[in-house]
Amino acid sequence: MRAGCVVPLRYPMNPKNLVLALSAFISIAPFALGDAAPNTLTPEESSAGWKLLFDGHSLNGWRGFKEIKPGAGWRVDGDALTVSGKAGDLLTAQEYGDFELSFEWKVSVAANSGVLYRVGLDESATFRTGPEYQVLDNAKAEDNRKPSHLAGALYDLVAPPKDYTKPVGEWNSGRIAVRGWHIQHWLNGEKIVDVDLANAEGKALIAASKFNDWSNFATLARGYIALQEHGHVVSFRSIKIRELK
């Protein structure tokens, strides 16, 4: 049964059986994050296994792509992790396999960025191994002409069904789930990507994309999560992860 579907009630609706039915629904529904303040976890999130990747005041837990030290263009601005100028991509210090990732992002006018996952260190760029959740000003960014390049897309592979972004300067919520190579993306509460890159459909998407000749793309069982630097001002906050066993 797919997560989030309606559970049929097979018992007479007395209070005891109502509790059983609700318990069955909760066990298969996606975990809902609470309304924590930026860069914090609620007690419920902590007990469910969520961890903060950004503590809200430092670059602890982050590294550069080819160097351990993060690029100078990455800084903490208020309660946000912000990039500007030529800084290089910013990677988690730890690798991850199957996970759920939740984050907030905000772009400046015409800005372009992304969140990449299962990134390896042996290629010339993060996107040569890691699929990307696109972060974009859909209205004015140069890379807005192809639907699979719009915000929330699985970059160059799966387009969002419509534009769910908020106006430039406002915070958007993003979410990524990766189980094997089954990938799901959410944007502002809407699920916009649901694909398995390991099955026939996913392999056909890769074959028809810019990644076709990159032999290491979407092949790593574990890798780093990367925030992309694309020369624009972009901010992230409330970056939370839950590893899936």
C-alpha atoms as a PDB file:
ATOM      1  CA  MET A   1       0.000   0.000   0.000  1.00  0.00           C
ATOM      2  CA  ARG A   2       1.395   3.422  -0.895  1.00  0.00           C
ATOM      3  CA  ALA A   3       2.100   5.939   1.855  1.00  0.00           C
ATOM      4  CA  GLY A   4      -0.645   8.483   2.295  1.00  0.00           C
ATOM      5  CA  CYS A   5      -3.498   6.407   0.843  1.00  0.00           C
ATOM      6  CA  VAL A   6      -6.811   5.980   2.682  1.00  0.00           C
ATOM      7  CA  VAL A   7      -7.057   2.964   4.962  1.00  0.00           C
ATOM      8  CA  PRO A   8     -10.426   1.204   4.640  1.00  0.00           C
ATOM      9  CA  LEU A   9     -12.153   0.563   7.958  1.00  0.00           C
ATOM     10  CA  ARG A  10     -12.906  -3.112   8.363  1.00  0.00           C
ATOM     11  CA  TYR A  11     -14.281  -2.993  11.896  1.00  0.00           C
ATOM     12  CA  PRO A  12     -17.512  -1.685  13.455  1.00  0.00           C
ATOM     13  CA  MET A  13     -16.908   1.897  14.460  1.00  0.00           C
ATOM     14  CA  ASN A  14     -16.747   1.606  18.234  1.00  0.00           C
ATOM     15  CA  PRO A  15     -14.070   3.602  20.142  1.00  0.00           C
ATOM     16  CA  LYS A  16     -11.660   0.679  20.466  1.00  0.00           C
ATOM     17  CA  ASN A  17     -11.759  -0.112  16.761  1.00  0.00           C
ATOM     18  CA  LEU A  18     -11.446   3.566  15.860  1.00  0.00           C
ATOM     19  CA  VAL A  19      -8.136   3.628  17.723  1.00  0.00           C
ATOM     20  CA  LEU A  20      -6.973   0.551  15.792  1.00  0.00           C
ATOM     21  CA  ALA A  21      -7.895   2.129  12.473  1.00  0.00           C
ATOM     22  CA  LEU A  22      -6.147   5.387  13.243  1.00  0.00           C
ATOM     23  CA  SER A  23      -3.040   3.508  14.367  1.00  0.00           C
ATOM     24  CA  ALA A  24      -2.942   1.651  11.053  1.00  0.00           C
ATOM     25  CA  PHE A  25      -3.159   4.920   9.139  1.00  0.00           C
ATOM     26  CA  ILE A  26      -0.435   6.605  11.159  1.00  0.00           C
ATOM     27  CA  SER A  27       1.932   3.651  10.599  1.00  0.00           C
ATOM     28  CA  ILE A  28       1.929   4.114   6.808  1.00  0.00           C
ATOM     29  CA  ALA A  29       1.517   7.877   6.466  1.00  0.00           C
ATOM     30  CA  PRO A  30       4.570  10.083   5.722  1.00  0.00           C
ATOM     31  CA  PHE A  31       6.061  11.635   8.845  1.00  0.00           C
ATOM     32  CA  ALA A  32       4.804  15.204   9.220  1.00  0.00           C
ATOM     33  CA  LEU A  33       7.341  17.719  10.474  1.00  0.00           C
ATOM     34  CA  GLY A  34       6.245  19.978  13.274  1.00  0.00           C
ATOM     35  CA  ASP A  35       6.151  23.764  13.407  1.00  0.00           C
ATOM     36  CA  ALA A  36       9.571  24.235  14.991  1.00  0.00           C
ATOM     37  CA  ALA A  37      11.315  27.602  14.984  1.00  0.00           C
ATOM     38  CA  PRO A  38      13.940  27.910  12.215  1.00  0.00           C
ATOM     39  CA  ASN A  39      16.928  25.605  12.694  1.00  0.00           C
ATOM     40  CA  THR A  40      15.410  23.724  15.623  1.00  0.00           C
ATOM     41  CA  LEU A  41      13.705  20.379  16.137  1.00  0.00           C
ATOM     42  CA  THR A  42      10.494  19.689  17.984  1.00  0.00           C
ATOM     43  CA  PRO A  43      10.559  16.870  20.550  1.00  0.00           C
ATOM     44  CA  GLU A  44       8.468  14.797  18.125  1.00  0.00           C
ATOM     45  CA  GLU A  45      11.013  15.295  15.332  1.00  0.00           C
ATOM     46  CA  SER A  46      13.888  14.336  17.599  1.00  0.00           C
ATOM     47  CA  SER A  47      12.144  11.169  18.755  1.00  0.00           C
ATOM     48  CA  ALA A  48      11.396  10.259  15.119  1.00  0.00           C
ATOM     49  CA  GLY A  49      15.102  10.405  14.264  1.00  0.00           C
ATOM     50  CA  TRP A  50      15.409  13.812  12.604  1.00  0.00           C
ATOM     51  CA  LYS A  51      18.720  15.688  12.972  1.00  0.00           C
ATOM     52  CA  LEU A  52      19.773  19.214  12.086  1.00  0.00           C
ATOM     53  CA  LEU A  53      22.390  19.624   9.370  1.00  0.00           C
ATOM     54  CA  PHE A  54      22.633  23.397   9.942  1.00  0.00           C
ATOM     55  CA  ASP A  55      22.780  24.637  13.542  1.00  0.00           C
ATOM     56  CA  GLY A  56      21.702  28.177  12.632  1.00  0.00           C
ATOM     57  CA  HIS A  57      24.929  29.946  13.597  1.00  0.00           C
ATOM     58  CA  SER A  58      27.971  28.166  12.124  1.00  0.00           C
ATOM     59  CA  LEU A  59      29.274  26.024   9.246  1.00  0.00           C
ATOM     60  CA  ASN A  60      29.966  23.110  11.585  1.00  0.00           C
ATOM     61  CA  GLY A  61      29.198  19.843   9.833  1.00  0.00           C
ATOM     62  CA  TRP A  62      29.886  21.220   6.334  1.00  0.00           C
ATOM     63  CA  ARG A  63      32.848  21.054   3.946  1.00  0.00           C
ATOM     64  CA  GLY A  64      33.877  22.106   0.458  1.00  0.00           C
ATOM     65  CA  PHE A  65      33.731  19.835  -2.595  1.00  0.00           C
ATOM     66  CA  LYS A  66      37.437  19.372  -3.308  1.00  0.00           C
ATOM     67  CA  GLU A  67      38.660  20.884  -0.042  1.00  0.00           C
ATOM     68  CA  ILE A  68      37.682  20.259   3.558  1.00  0.00           C
ATOM     69  CA  LYS A  69      37.238  23.968   4.263  1.00  0.00           C
ATOM     70  CA  PRO A  70      34.009  25.538   2.925  1.00  0.00           C
ATOM     71  CA  GLY A  71      34.393  28.240   0.298  1.00  0.00           C
ATOM     72  CA  ALA A  72      34.634  31.808   1.583  1.00  0.00           C
ATOM     73  CA  GLY A  73      31.386  32.799  -0.130  1.00  0.00           C
ATOM     74  CA  TRP A  74      29.327  30.684   2.260  1.00  0.00           C
ATOM     75  CA  ARG A  75      28.280  32.521   5.414  1.00  0.00           C
ATOM     76  CA  VAL A  76      25.680  32.563   8.169  1.00  0.00           C
ATOM     77  CA  ASP A  77      23.374  35.527   7.562  1.00  0.00           C
ATOM     78  CA  GLY A  78      20.910  35.927  10.413  1.00  0.00           C
ATOM     79  CA  ASP A  79      19.339  32.477  10.781  1.00  0.00           C
ATOM     80  CA  ALA A  80      20.214  31.377   7.240  1.00  0.00           C
ATOM     81  CA  LEU A  81      23.057  29.678   5.415  1.00  0.00           C
ATOM     82  CA  THR A  82      23.722  32.021   2.489  1.00  0.00           C
ATOM     83  CA  VAL A  83      25.978  31.888  -0.551  1.00  0.00           C
ATOM     84  CA  SER A  84      27.116  34.691  -2.823  1.00  0.00           C
ATOM     85  CA  GLY A  85      29.843  34.970  -5.451  1.00  0.00           C
ATOM     86  CA  LYS A  86      32.223  32.182  -6.400  1.00  0.00           C
ATOM     87  CA  ALA A  87      32.221  29.936  -3.367  1.00  0.00           C
ATOM     88  CA  GLY A  88      32.052  26.389  -4.725  1.00  0.00           C
ATOM     89  CA  ASP A  89      29.448  23.879  -3.638  1.00  0.00           C
ATOM     90  CA  LEU A  90      28.944  23.211   0.075  1.00  0.00           C
ATOM     91  CA  LEU A  91      28.759  19.563   1.177  1.00  0.00           C
ATOM     92  CA  THR A  92      27.761  17.782   4.340  1.00  0.00           C
ATOM     93  CA  ALA A  93      30.677  16.330   6.238  1.00  0.00           C
ATOM     94  CA  GLN A  94      28.854  12.986   6.373  1.00  0.00           C
ATOM     95  CA  GLU A  95      27.604  10.669   3.622  1.00  0.00           C
ATOM     96  CA  TYR A  96      24.024   9.389   3.467  1.00  0.00           C
ATOM     97  CA  GLY A  97      22.257   6.498   1.771  1.00  0.00           C
ATOM     98  CA  ASP A  98      18.461   6.325   2.161  1.00  0.00           C
ATOM     99  CA  PHE A  99      17.027   9.406   3.827  1.00  0.00           C
ATOM    100  CA  GLU A 100      14.381  12.086   4.082  1.00  0.00           C
ATOM    101  CA  LEU A 101      15.635  15.662   3.862  1.00  0.00           C
ATOM    102  CA  SER A 102      13.632  18.757   4.734  1.00  0.00           C
ATOM    103  CA  PHE A 103      14.833  22.314   4.137  1.00  0.00           C
ATOM    104  CA  GLU A 104      13.746  25.873   3.434  1.00  0.00           C
ATOM    105  CA  TRP A 105      15.192  27.919   0.580  1.00  0.00           C
ATOM    106  CA  LYS A 106      14.995  31.508  -0.625  1.00  0.00           C
ATOM    107  CA  VAL A 107      16.386  33.001  -3.837  1.00  0.00           C
ATOM    108  CA  SER A 108      17.291  36.469  -5.046  1.00  0.00           C
ATOM    109  CA  VAL A 109      16.103  37.772  -8.425  1.00  0.00           C
ATOM    110  CA  ALA A 110      17.191  35.489 -11.317  1.00  0.00           C
ATOM    111  CA  ALA A 111      19.020  33.144  -8.921  1.00  0.00           C
ATOM    112  CA  ASN A 112      19.834  29.502  -9.601  1.00  0.00           C
ATOM    113  CA  SER A 113      20.977  26.820  -7.157  1.00  0.00           C
ATOM    114  CA  GLY A 114      20.118  23.284  -6.141  1.00  0.00           C
ATOM    115  CA  VAL A 115      20.330  20.527  -3.568  1.00  0.00           C
ATOM    116  CA  LEU A 116      22.204  17.452  -4.798  1.00  0.00           C
ATOM    117  CA  TYR A 117      22.402  14.087  -3.074  1.00  0.00           C
ATOM    118  CA  ARG A 118      24.510  10.928  -3.081  1.00  0.00           C
ATOM    119  CA  VAL A 119      27.356  13.042  -4.385  1.00  0.00           C
ATOM    120  CA  GLY A 120      30.823  11.529  -4.803  1.00  0.00           C
ATOM    121  CA  LEU A 121      34.148  13.340  -4.542  1.00  0.00           C
ATOM    122  CA  ASP A 122      35.956  11.738  -7.470  1.00  0.00           C
ATOM    123  CA  GLU A 123      34.298  13.579 -10.369  1.00  0.00           C
ATOM    124  CA  SER A 124      34.928  17.140 -11.543  1.00  0.00           C
ATOM    125  CA  ALA A 125      31.551  18.451 -10.324  1.00  0.00           C
ATOM    126  CA  THR A 126      28.899  17.403  -7.815  1.00  0.00           C
ATOM    127  CA  PHE A 127      26.243  17.042 -10.529  1.00  0.00           C
ATOM    128  CA  ARG A 128      28.222  14.355 -12.336  1.00  0.00           C
ATOM    129  CA  THR A 129      27.249  11.876  -9.597  1.00  0.00           C
ATOM    130  CA  GLY A 130      24.357  13.388  -7.653  1.00  0.00           C
ATOM    131  CA  PRO A 131      20.796  14.012  -8.854  1.00  0.00           C
ATOM    132  CA  GLU A 132      19.565  17.531  -8.150  1.00  0.00           C
ATOM    133  CA  TYR A 133      16.534  19.165  -6.580  1.00  0.00           C
ATOM    134  CA  GLN A 134      16.423  22.413  -8.555  1.00  0.00           C
ATOM    135  CA  VAL A 135      16.292  25.740  -6.694  1.00  0.00           C
ATOM    136  CA  LEU A 136      15.388  28.620  -9.011  1.00  0.00           C
ATOM    137  CA  ASP A 137      13.694  31.940  -9.578  1.00  0.00           C
ATOM    138  CA  ASN A 138      11.242  30.494 -12.096  1.00  0.00           C
ATOM    139  CA  ALA A 139      10.309  33.907 -13.448  1.00  0.00           C
ATOM    140  CA  LYS A 140      13.681  35.450 -14.253  1.00  0.00           C
ATOM    141  CA  ALA A 141      16.487  32.889 -14.037  1.00  0.00           C
ATOM    142  CA  GLU A 142      18.238  32.112 -17.317  1.00  0.00           C
ATOM    143  CA  ASP A 143      17.663  28.383 -16.858  1.00  0.00           C
ATOM    144  CA  ASN A 144      13.863  28.636 -16.830  1.00  0.00           C
ATOM    145  CA  ARG A 145      13.021  27.610 -20.389  1.00  0.00           C
ATOM    146  CA  LYS A 146      12.858  23.852 -19.921  1.00  0.00           C
ATOM    147  CA  PRO A 147      10.156  22.472 -17.568  1.00  0.00           C
ATOM    148  CA  SER A 148      12.545  19.920 -16.026  1.00  0.00           C
ATOM    149  CA  HIS A 149      14.824  22.798 -15.011  1.00  0.00           C
ATOM    150  CA  LEU A 150      12.215  24.622 -12.913  1.00  0.00           C
ATOM    151  CA  ALA A 151      12.164  24.820  -9.112  1.00  0.00           C
ATOM    152  CA  GLY A 152      11.636  21.496  -7.393  1.00  0.00           C
ATOM    153  CA  ALA A 153      12.354  19.472 -10.531  1.00  0.00           C
ATOM    154  CA  LEU A 154      14.555  16.411 -10.558  1.00  0.00           C
ATOM    155  CA  TYR A 155      16.918  18.387 -12.746  1.00  0.00           C
ATOM    156  CA  ASP A 156      16.766  17.551 -16.458  1.00  0.00           C
ATOM    157  CA  LEU A 157      14.784  14.395 -15.677  1.00  0.00           C
ATOM    158  CA  VAL A 158      11.356  15.092 -14.154  1.00  0.00           C
ATOM    159  CA  ALA A 159       9.480  18.415 -14.321  1.00  0.00           C
ATOM    160  CA  PRO A 160       7.060  19.659 -11.657  1.00  0.00           C
ATOM    161  CA  PRO A 161       3.414  19.607 -12.827  1.00  0.00           C
ATOM    162  CA  LYS A 162       3.045  23.361 -12.131  1.00  0.00           C
ATOM    163  CA  ASP A 163       4.804  26.268 -10.467  1.00  0.00           C
ATOM    164  CA  TYR A 164       4.358  26.018  -6.693  1.00  0.00           C
ATOM    165  CA  THR A 165       7.040  28.562  -5.793  1.00  0.00           C
ATOM    166  CA  LYS A 166       6.491  31.612  -3.616  1.00  0.00           C
ATOM    167  CA  PRO A 167       7.559  35.099  -4.743  1.00  0.00           C
ATOM    168  CA  VAL A 168      11.281  35.890  -4.772  1.00  0.00           C
ATOM    169  CA  GLY A 169      12.459  36.838  -1.295  1.00  0.00           C
ATOM    170  CA  GLU A 170      10.010  34.523   0.490  1.00  0.00           C
ATOM    171  CA  TRP A 171      10.901  31.175   2.035  1.00  0.00           C
ATOM    172  CA  ASN A 172       9.929  27.994   0.205  1.00  0.00           C
ATOM    173  CA  SER A 173       9.845  24.560   1.817  1.00  0.00           C
ATOM    174  CA  GLY A 174      11.516  21.638   0.061  1.00  0.00           C
ATOM    175  CA  ARG A 175      11.605  17.971   0.826  1.00  0.00           C
ATOM    176  CA  ILE A 176      13.430  15.009  -0.690  1.00  0.00           C
ATOM    177  CA  ALA A 177      12.996  11.303   0.022  1.00  0.00           C
ATOM    178  CA  VAL A 178      15.418   8.713  -1.368  1.00  0.00           C
ATOM    179  CA  ARG A 179      14.903   4.956  -0.899  1.00  0.00           C
ATOM    180  CA  GLY A 180      17.153   2.913  -3.150  1.00  0.00           C
ATOM    181  CA  TRP A 181      16.795   4.990  -6.309  1.00  0.00           C
ATOM    182  CA  HIS A 182      13.131   5.747  -5.703  1.00  0.00           C
ATOM    183  CA  ILE A 183      13.138   9.542  -5.479  1.00  0.00           C
ATOM    184  CA  GLN A 184      10.382  11.892  -4.338  1.00  0.00           C
ATOM    185  CA  HIS A 185      10.439  15.701  -4.246  1.00  0.00           C
ATOM    186  CA  TRP A 186       8.019  18.060  -2.525  1.00  0.00           C
ATOM    187  CA  LEU A 187       7.718  21.833  -2.937  1.00  0.00           C
ATOM    188  CA  ASN A 188       5.652  23.877  -0.484  1.00  0.00           C
ATOM    189  CA  GLY A 189       3.734  20.788   0.589  1.00  0.00           C
ATOM    190  CA  GLU A 190       3.027  19.445  -2.906  1.00  0.00           C
ATOM    191  CA  LYS A 191       4.609  16.212  -4.110  1.00  0.00           C
ATOM    192  CA  ILE A 192       5.962  17.041  -7.574  1.00  0.00           C
ATOM    193  CA  VAL A 193       8.409  14.203  -8.355  1.00  0.00           C
ATOM    194  CA  ASP A 194       7.946  10.456  -7.836  1.00  0.00           C
ATOM    195  CA  VAL A 195      10.252   8.256  -9.912  1.00  0.00           C
ATOM    196  CA  ASP A 196      12.605   5.294  -9.606  1.00  0.00           C
ATOM    197  CA  LEU A 197      15.828   5.880 -11.527  1.00  0.00           C
ATOM    198  CA  ALA A 198      16.714   2.184 -11.279  1.00  0.00           C
ATOM    199  CA  ASN A 199      13.707   0.849 -13.198  1.00  0.00           C
ATOM    200  CA  ALA A 200      13.025   0.963 -16.941  1.00  0.00           C
ATOM    201  CA  GLU A 201      11.253   4.312 -16.775  1.00  0.00           C
ATOM    202  CA  GLY A 202      14.061   5.926 -14.797  1.00  0.00           C
ATOM    203  CA  LYS A 203      16.783   4.527 -17.026  1.00  0.00           C
ATOM    204  CA  ALA A 204      14.937   5.862 -20.082  1.00  0.00           C
ATOM    205  CA  LEU A 205      14.794   9.321 -18.501  1.00  0.00           C
ATOM    206  CA  ILE A 206      18.545   9.272 -17.876  1.00  0.00           C
ATOM    207  CA  ALA A 207      19.220   8.040 -21.421  1.00  0.00           C
ATOM    208  CA  ALA A 208      17.276  11.015 -22.816  1.00  0.00           C
ATOM    209  CA  SER A 209      19.024  13.563 -20.570  1.00  0.00           C
ATOM    210  CA  LYS A 210      22.346  15.367 -20.365  1.00  0.00           C
ATOM    211  CA  PHE A 211      23.483  12.660 -17.909  1.00  0.00           C
ATOM    212  CA  ASN A 212      23.413   9.812 -20.436  1.00  0.00           C
ATOM    213  CA  ASP A 213      27.187   9.749 -21.020  1.00  0.00           C
ATOM    214  CA  TRP A 214      28.140  10.222 -17.359  1.00  0.00           C
ATOM    215  CA  SER A 215      28.757   6.676 -16.158  1.00  0.00           C
ATOM    216  CA  ASN A 216      28.786   7.529 -12.445  1.00  0.00           C
ATOM    217  CA  PHE A 217      25.576   9.555 -12.388  1.00  0.00           C
ATOM    218  CA  ALA A 218      22.984   8.163  -9.954  1.00  0.00           C
ATOM    219  CA  THR A 219      25.053   5.075  -9.178  1.00  0.00           C
ATOM    220  CA  LEU A 220      26.320   5.619  -5.621  1.00  0.00           C
ATOM    221  CA  ALA A 221      24.573   3.851  -2.745  1.00  0.00           C
ATOM    222  CA  ARG A 222      25.821   6.554  -0.367  1.00  0.00           C
ATOM    223  CA  GLY A 223      27.129  10.052  -0.864  1.00  0.00           C
ATOM    224  CA  TYR A 224      27.218  13.641   0.319  1.00  0.00           C
ATOM    225  CA  ILE A 225      24.406  16.180   0.220  1.00  0.00           C
ATOM    226  CA  ALA A 226      25.504  19.340  -1.594  1.00  0.00           C
ATOM    227  CA  LEU A 227      24.167  22.892  -1.737  1.00  0.00           C
ATOM    228  CA  GLN A 228      25.032  24.280  -5.141  1.00  0.00           C
ATOM    229  CA  GLU A 229      26.806  27.566  -5.763  1.00  0.00           C
ATOM    230  CA  HIS A 230      25.781  29.030  -9.106  1.00  0.00           C
ATOM    231  CA  GLY A 231      27.091  32.583  -8.698  1.00  0.00           C
ATOM    232  CA  HIS A 232      23.879  33.958  -7.178  1.00  0.00           C
ATOM    233  CA  VAL A 233      22.641  34.905  -3.727  1.00  0.00           C
ATOM    234  CA  VAL A 234      20.650  31.985  -2.294  1.00  0.00           C
ATOM    235  CA  SER A 235      19.786  31.104   1.313  1.00  0.00           C
ATOM    236  CA  PHE A 236      18.919  27.876   3.124  1.00  0.00           C
ATOM    237  CA  ARG A 237      17.728  27.165   6.644  1.00  0.00           C
ATOM    238  CA  SER A 238      16.014  24.470   8.748  1.00  0.00           C
ATOM    239  CA  ILE A 239      17.988  21.758   6.959  1.00  0.00           C
ATOM    240  CA  LYS A 240      16.919  18.503   8.627  1.00  0.00           C
ATOM    241  CA  ILE A 241      17.607  14.870   7.794  1.00  0.00           C
ATOM    242  CA  ARG A 242      16.252  11.516   8.895  1.00  0.00           C
ATOM    243  CA  GLU A 243      18.123   8.421   7.794  1.00  0.00           C
ATOM    244  CA  LEU A 244      15.945   5.521   6.663  1.00  0.00           C
ATOM    245  CA  LYS A 245      16.956   2.041   7.721  1.00  0.00           C
END
